[in-house]
C-alpha atoms as a PDB file:
ATOM      1  CA  MET A   1     -42.886  14.004 -20.166  1.00  0.00           C
ATOM      2  CA  ARG A   2     -40.412  16.652 -20.628  1.00  0.00           C
ATOM      3  CA  TYR A   3     -41.148  20.188 -20.681  1.00  0.00           C
ATOM      4  CA  SER A   4     -38.752  23.047 -22.046  1.00  0.00           C
ATOM      5  CA  ILE A   5     -38.759  26.749 -20.665  1.00  0.00           C
ATOM      6  CA  LEU A   6     -37.495  29.544 -22.590  1.00  0.00           C
ATOM      7  CA  VAL A   7     -36.892  32.651 -21.007  1.00  0.00           C
ATOM      8  CA  PRO A   8     -35.683  36.394 -23.008  1.00  0.00           C
ATOM      9  CA  VAL A   9     -33.816  38.111 -20.171  1.00  0.00           C
ATOM     10  CA  TYR A  10     -33.777  41.649 -20.822  1.00  0.00           C
ATOM     11  CA  ASN A  11     -32.451  43.916 -18.319  1.00  0.00           C
ATOM     12  CA  SER A  12     -34.034  41.312 -15.851  1.00  0.00           C
ATOM     13  CA  SER A  13     -30.823  41.057 -13.313  1.00  0.00           C
ATOM     14  CA  MET A  14     -33.271  42.577  -9.917  1.00  0.00           C
ATOM     15  CA  ILE A  15     -35.857  39.257 -10.840  1.00  0.00           C
ATOM     16  CA  LEU A  16     -33.845  36.605 -11.996  1.00  0.00           C
ATOM     17  CA  SER A  17     -33.344  34.842  -8.839  1.00  0.00           C
ATOM     18  CA  ASP A  18     -37.061  35.294  -7.869  1.00  0.00           C
ATOM     19  CA  LEU A  19     -38.289  33.990 -11.441  1.00  0.00           C
ATOM     20  CA  LEU A  20     -36.118  30.732 -10.780  1.00  0.00           C
ATOM     21  CA  LYS A  21     -36.987  30.298  -7.648  1.00  0.00           C
ATOM     22  CA  ALA A  22     -40.763  30.389  -8.504  1.00  0.00           C
ATOM     23  CA  ILE A  23     -40.324  28.108 -11.639  1.00  0.00           C
ATOM     24  CA  GLU A  24     -38.325  25.635  -9.268  1.00  0.00           C
ATOM     25  CA  GLU A  25     -41.288  25.514  -7.116  1.00  0.00           C
ATOM     26  CA  THR A  26     -43.556  24.823  -9.375  1.00  0.00           C
ATOM     27  CA  ARG A  27     -41.326  21.904 -10.836  1.00  0.00           C
ATOM     28  CA  GLN A  28     -41.147  20.257  -7.696  1.00  0.00           C
ATOM     29  CA  LYS A  29     -44.924  20.765  -6.964  1.00  0.00           C
ATOM     30  CA  GLU A  30     -45.813  19.260 -10.619  1.00  0.00           C
ATOM     31  CA  ASN A  31     -43.148  16.873 -10.605  1.00  0.00           C
ATOM     32  CA  TRP A  32     -41.751  18.019 -14.026  1.00  0.00           C
ATOM     33  CA  ASP A  33     -38.623  16.937 -16.010  1.00  0.00           C
ATOM     34  CA  LEU A  34     -38.066  20.595 -16.877  1.00  0.00           C
ATOM     35  CA  GLU A  35     -35.489  22.389 -18.748  1.00  0.00           C
ATOM     36  CA  LEU A  36     -34.566  25.665 -18.368  1.00  0.00           C
ATOM     37  CA  VAL A  37     -33.255  28.115 -21.104  1.00  0.00           C
ATOM     38  CA  LEU A  38     -32.430  31.581 -20.271  1.00  0.00           C
ATOM     39  CA  VAL A  39     -31.514  33.925 -23.544  1.00  0.00           C
ATOM     40  CA  GLU A  40     -29.746  36.646 -22.448  1.00  0.00           C
ATOM     41  CA  ASP A  41     -30.794  39.209 -25.242  1.00  0.00           C
ATOM     42  CA  GLY A  42     -28.240  42.064 -24.984  1.00  0.00           C
ATOM     43  CA  SER A  43     -29.434  43.742 -21.526  1.00  0.00           C
ATOM     44  CA  LYS A  44     -27.516  46.714 -20.381  1.00  0.00           C
ATOM     45  CA  ASP A  45     -27.460  45.775 -16.960  1.00  0.00           C
ATOM     46  CA  ASN A  46     -25.307  43.130 -15.484  1.00  0.00           C
ATOM     47  CA  SER A  47     -28.243  40.373 -16.238  1.00  0.00           C
ATOM     48  CA  PHE A  48     -25.463  38.058 -18.018  1.00  0.00           C
ATOM     49  CA  GLU A  49     -23.231  37.887 -14.517  1.00  0.00           C
ATOM     50  CA  VAL A  50     -26.689  37.063 -12.414  1.00  0.00           C
ATOM     51  CA  ILE A  51     -27.367  34.181 -15.105  1.00  0.00           C
ATOM     52  CA  GLU A  52     -23.843  32.779 -14.415  1.00  0.00           C
ATOM     53  CA  GLN A  53     -23.916  33.267 -10.759  1.00  0.00           C
ATOM     54  CA  LEU A  54     -27.349  31.225 -10.486  1.00  0.00           C
ATOM     55  CA  ALA A  55     -26.232  28.705 -13.104  1.00  0.00           C
ATOM     56  CA  LYS A  56     -23.452  28.003 -10.407  1.00  0.00           C
ATOM     57  CA  GLU A  57     -26.079  28.193  -7.371  1.00  0.00           C
ATOM     58  CA  TYR A  58     -28.952  26.358  -9.376  1.00  0.00           C
ATOM     59  CA  HIS A  59     -31.564  28.525  -7.390  1.00  0.00           C
ATOM     60  CA  ALA A  60     -34.085  31.285  -8.822  1.00  0.00           C
ATOM     61  CA  ARG A  61     -37.002  34.139  -9.353  1.00  0.00           C
ATOM     62  CA  ALA A  62     -40.529  35.411  -9.005  1.00  0.00           C
ATOM     63  CA  LYS A  63     -41.380  39.256  -8.761  1.00  0.00           C
ATOM     64  CA  GLY A  64     -40.833  42.623 -10.180  1.00  0.00           C
ATOM     65  CA  GLU A  65     -41.197  43.272 -14.057  1.00  0.00           C
ATOM     66  CA  SER A  66     -39.654  42.642 -17.555  1.00  0.00           C
ATOM     67  CA  GLY A  67     -36.997  44.734 -18.713  1.00  0.00           C
ATOM     68  CA  TYR A  68     -39.036  44.673 -22.496  1.00  0.00           C
ATOM     69  CA  THR A  69     -41.219  47.508 -22.943  1.00  0.00           C
ATOM     70  CA  PHE A  70     -44.640  46.948 -24.721  1.00  0.00           C
ATOM     71  CA  ARG A  71     -43.034  48.358 -27.940  1.00  0.00           C
ATOM     72  CA  LYS A  72     -40.013  45.961 -28.047  1.00  0.00           C
ATOM     73  CA  LEU A  73     -42.604  43.017 -27.100  1.00  0.00           C
ATOM     74  CA  ILE A  74     -44.505  44.303 -30.308  1.00  0.00           C
ATOM     75  CA  LYS A  75     -41.654  44.014 -32.191  1.00  0.00           C
ATOM     76  CA  ILE A  76     -40.444  40.836 -31.184  1.00  0.00           C
ATOM     77  CA  ALA A  77     -43.802  39.170 -31.894  1.00  0.00           C
ATOM     78  CA  MET A  78     -43.714  41.160 -35.513  1.00  0.00           C
ATOM     79  CA  ASP A  79     -40.378  39.550 -36.425  1.00  0.00           C
ATOM     80  CA  GLY A  80     -41.571  36.332 -34.979  1.00  0.00           C
ATOM     81  CA  ILE A  81     -44.689  36.558 -37.269  1.00  0.00           C
ATOM     82  CA  PHE A  82     -42.889  38.367 -40.658  1.00  0.00           C
ATOM     83  CA  ALA A  83     -39.377  36.869 -40.597  1.00  0.00           C
ATOM     84  CA  PHE A  84     -39.776  33.205 -39.597  1.00  0.00           C
ATOM     85  CA  SER A  85     -43.360  32.288 -41.031  1.00  0.00           C
ATOM     86  CA  SER A  86     -45.064  32.497 -44.162  1.00  0.00           C
ATOM     87  CA  LEU A  87     -48.253  32.412 -42.851  1.00  0.00           C
ATOM     88  CA  PRO A  88     -49.067  35.918 -43.568  1.00  0.00           C
ATOM     89  CA  ILE A  89     -48.523  35.341 -47.426  1.00  0.00           C
ATOM     90  CA  LYS A  90     -50.710  32.215 -46.998  1.00  0.00           C
ATOM     91  CA  ILE A  91     -53.517  33.886 -45.606  1.00  0.00           C
ATOM     92  CA  ILE A  92     -53.391  36.306 -48.067  1.00  0.00           C
ATOM     93  CA  SER A  93     -53.643  33.583 -50.898  1.00  0.00           C
ATOM     94  CA  ILE A  94     -56.499  31.822 -48.882  1.00  0.00           C
ATOM     95  CA  THR A  95     -58.436  34.839 -48.557  1.00  0.00           C
ATOM     96  CA  GLY A  96     -58.202  35.571 -52.676  1.00  0.00           C
ATOM     97  CA  PHE A  97     -59.457  31.953 -53.065  1.00  0.00           C
ATOM     98  CA  LEU A  98     -62.259  32.101 -50.678  1.00  0.00           C
ATOM     99  CA  GLY A  99     -63.403  35.432 -52.450  1.00  0.00           C
ATOM    100  CA  LEU A 100     -62.887  33.893 -55.584  1.00  0.00           C
ATOM    101  CA  SER A 101     -65.185  30.891 -54.646  1.00  0.00           C
ATOM    102  CA  PHE A 102     -67.668  33.176 -53.196  1.00  0.00           C
ATOM    103  CA  SER A 103     -67.882  35.382 -56.456  1.00  0.00           C
ATOM    104  CA  ILE A 104     -68.266  32.604 -58.437  1.00  0.00           C
ATOM    105  CA  LEU A 105     -70.411  30.655 -56.624  1.00  0.00           C
ATOM    106  CA  TYR A 106     -72.921  33.763 -56.213  1.00  0.00           C
ATOM    107  CA  SER A 107     -72.403  34.368 -59.934  1.00  0.00           C
ATOM    108  CA  ILE A 108     -73.946  30.966 -60.753  1.00  0.00           C
ATOM    109  CA  TYR A 109     -76.751  31.697 -58.361  1.00  0.00           C
ATOM    110  CA  ILE A 110     -77.578  34.633 -59.913  1.00  0.00           C
ATOM    111  CA  LEU A 111     -77.349  33.248 -63.510  1.00  0.00           C
ATOM    112  CA  TRP A 112     -79.546  30.036 -62.072  1.00  0.00           C
ATOM    113  CA  VAL A 113     -82.202  32.861 -60.641  1.00  0.00           C
ATOM    114  CA  TYR A 114     -82.254  34.401 -63.985  1.00  0.00           C
ATOM    115  CA  LEU A 115     -82.666  31.416 -65.943  1.00  0.00           C
ATOM    116  CA  THR A 116     -85.356  29.902 -63.557  1.00  0.00           C
ATOM    117  CA  LYS A 117     -87.667  33.058 -62.557  1.00  0.00           C
ATOM    118  CA  GLY A 118     -86.329  35.591 -64.931  1.00  0.00           C
ATOM    119  CA  ILE A 119     -85.281  37.863 -62.191  1.00  0.00           C
ATOM    120  CA  GLN A 120     -82.657  40.035 -63.557  1.00  0.00           C
ATOM    121  CA  SER A 121     -79.670  41.482 -61.111  1.00  0.00           C
ATOM    122  CA  GLN A 122     -79.358  45.229 -60.741  1.00  0.00           C
ATOM    123  CA  GLY A 123     -76.155  47.177 -62.312  1.00  0.00           C
ATOM    124  CA  PHE A 124     -74.828  47.166 -58.691  1.00  0.00           C
ATOM    125  CA  LEU A 125     -74.920  43.645 -57.821  1.00  0.00           C
ATOM    126  CA  THR A 126     -72.996  42.897 -61.157  1.00  0.00           C
ATOM    127  CA  LEU A 127     -70.501  45.887 -60.204  1.00  0.00           C
ATOM    128  CA  VAL A 128     -69.949  44.134 -56.727  1.00  0.00           C
ATOM    129  CA  LEU A 129     -69.313  40.847 -58.126  1.00  0.00           C
ATOM    130  CA  MET A 130     -67.158  42.057 -60.734  1.00  0.00           C
ATOM    131  CA  ILE A 131     -65.006  43.828 -58.187  1.00  0.00           C
ATOM    132  CA  ALA A 132     -64.937  41.120 -55.521  1.00  0.00           C
ATOM    133  CA  PHE A 133     -64.046  38.367 -58.721  1.00  0.00           C
ATOM    134  CA  PHE A 134     -60.803  40.943 -59.699  1.00  0.00           C
ATOM    135  CA  ASN A 135     -59.665  41.688 -56.129  1.00  0.00           C
ATOM    136  CA  SER A 136     -59.568  37.942 -55.458  1.00  0.00           C
ATOM    137  CA  LEU A 137     -57.384  37.421 -58.418  1.00  0.00           C
ATOM    138  CA  ILE A 138     -55.296  40.106 -57.208  1.00  0.00           C
ATOM    139  CA  LEU A 139     -54.896  38.598 -53.634  1.00  0.00           C
ATOM    140  CA  ILE A 140     -54.074  35.206 -55.349  1.00  0.00           C
ATOM    141  CA  CYS A 141     -51.711  36.639 -57.383  1.00  0.00           C
ATOM    142  CA  LEU A 142     -50.127  38.565 -54.539  1.00  0.00           C
ATOM    143  CA  GLY A 143     -49.858  35.226 -52.986  1.00  0.00           C
ATOM    144  CA  ILE A 144     -48.144  33.536 -55.360  1.00  0.00           C
ATOM    145  CA  ILE A 145     -45.608  36.396 -55.534  1.00  0.00           C
ATOM    146  CA  GLY A 146     -45.036  36.639 -51.682  1.00  0.00           C
ATOM    147  CA  GLU A 147     -44.511  32.526 -52.015  1.00  0.00           C
ATOM    148  CA  TYR A 148     -41.777  33.296 -54.320  1.00  0.00           C
ATOM    149  CA  VAL A 149     -40.426  36.123 -52.669  1.00  0.00           C
ATOM    150  CA  ILE A 150     -40.427  34.043 -49.126  1.00  0.00           C
ATOM    151  CA  LYS A 151     -38.418  31.184 -50.739  1.00  0.00           C
ATOM    152  CA  ILE A 152     -35.998  33.456 -52.133  1.00  0.00           C
ATOM    153  CA  TYR A 153     -35.529  35.554 -49.124  1.00  0.00           C
ATOM    154  CA  ASP A 154     -34.951  32.217 -47.399  1.00  0.00           C
ATOM    155  CA  GLU A 155     -32.326  31.028 -49.717  1.00  0.00           C
ATOM    156  CA  THR A 156     -30.330  34.191 -49.926  1.00  0.00           C
ATOM    157  CA  ARG A 157     -30.056  34.722 -45.701  1.00  0.00           C
ATOM    158  CA  ALA A 158     -28.829  31.165 -45.518  1.00  0.00           C
ATOM    159  CA  ARG A 159     -28.473  32.309 -41.262  1.00  0.00           C
ATOM    160  CA  PRO A 160     -28.238  29.896 -38.545  1.00  0.00           C
ATOM    161  CA  TYR A 161     -31.229  29.313 -36.136  1.00  0.00           C
ATOM    162  CA  SER A 162     -29.250  30.673 -33.466  1.00  0.00           C
ATOM    163  CA  VAL A 163     -26.025  32.183 -32.347  1.00  0.00           C
ATOM    164  CA  ILE A 164     -24.961  31.045 -29.438  1.00  0.00           C
ATOM    165  CA  GLU A 165     -22.025  33.154 -27.424  1.00  0.00           C
ATOM    166  CA  LYS A 166     -21.588  31.327 -24.456  1.00  0.00           C
ATOM    167  CA  THR A 167     -22.929  28.532 -22.482  1.00  0.00           C
ATOM    168  CA  ILE A 168     -23.473  27.876 -18.856  1.00  0.00           C
ATOM    169  CA  ASN A 169     -24.009  24.670 -16.828  1.00  0.00           C
ATOM    170  CA  ILE A 170     -24.713  22.541 -19.965  1.00  0.00           C
ATOM    171  CA  SER A 171     -24.442  18.558 -19.262  1.00  0.00           C
ATOM    172  CA  ASN A 172     -24.985  15.614 -21.182  1.00  0.00           C
ATOM    173  CA  PRO A 173     -28.672  14.177 -20.562  1.00  0.00           C
ATOM    174  CA  ASN A 174     -27.617  10.929 -21.420  1.00  0.00           C
ATOM    175  CA  SER A 175     -24.824  10.762 -18.617  1.00  0.00           C
END
């Protein structure tokens, strides 16, 4: 089985060689067929030059700390969730449908109790059911509108999946 490891590099020139060394040791120990991709993310240090040097030597890294701050990692995660996924909108729609289903089923139950046992529901319960029902409809409508906005956004941005400025040490896997 072939594995691919994608390593974002941001101000990590000091630890790149140790990281690559640890990956190589693990690859040899586990006998992996491994593809390693280092993505230089606009570092202000000489990370790209270190990557070029290491590509020539093909040896590598293991200690130190990432150049990414916690805030930048959260931003990257949020960009990945919201800019490249419609999952949050789908969750809104699903939540709306679940709430609608619950309020309809519970309304049927209350009606059944009233018809079979003659027990009337209190005004508070009716109010809660109506709020749940209409809030669920609002969530469904927001989900539908969100799906349309996502489709429009995807069509208008027409951006490539990635932009490759420069590649190093790329070989044909079939040769």
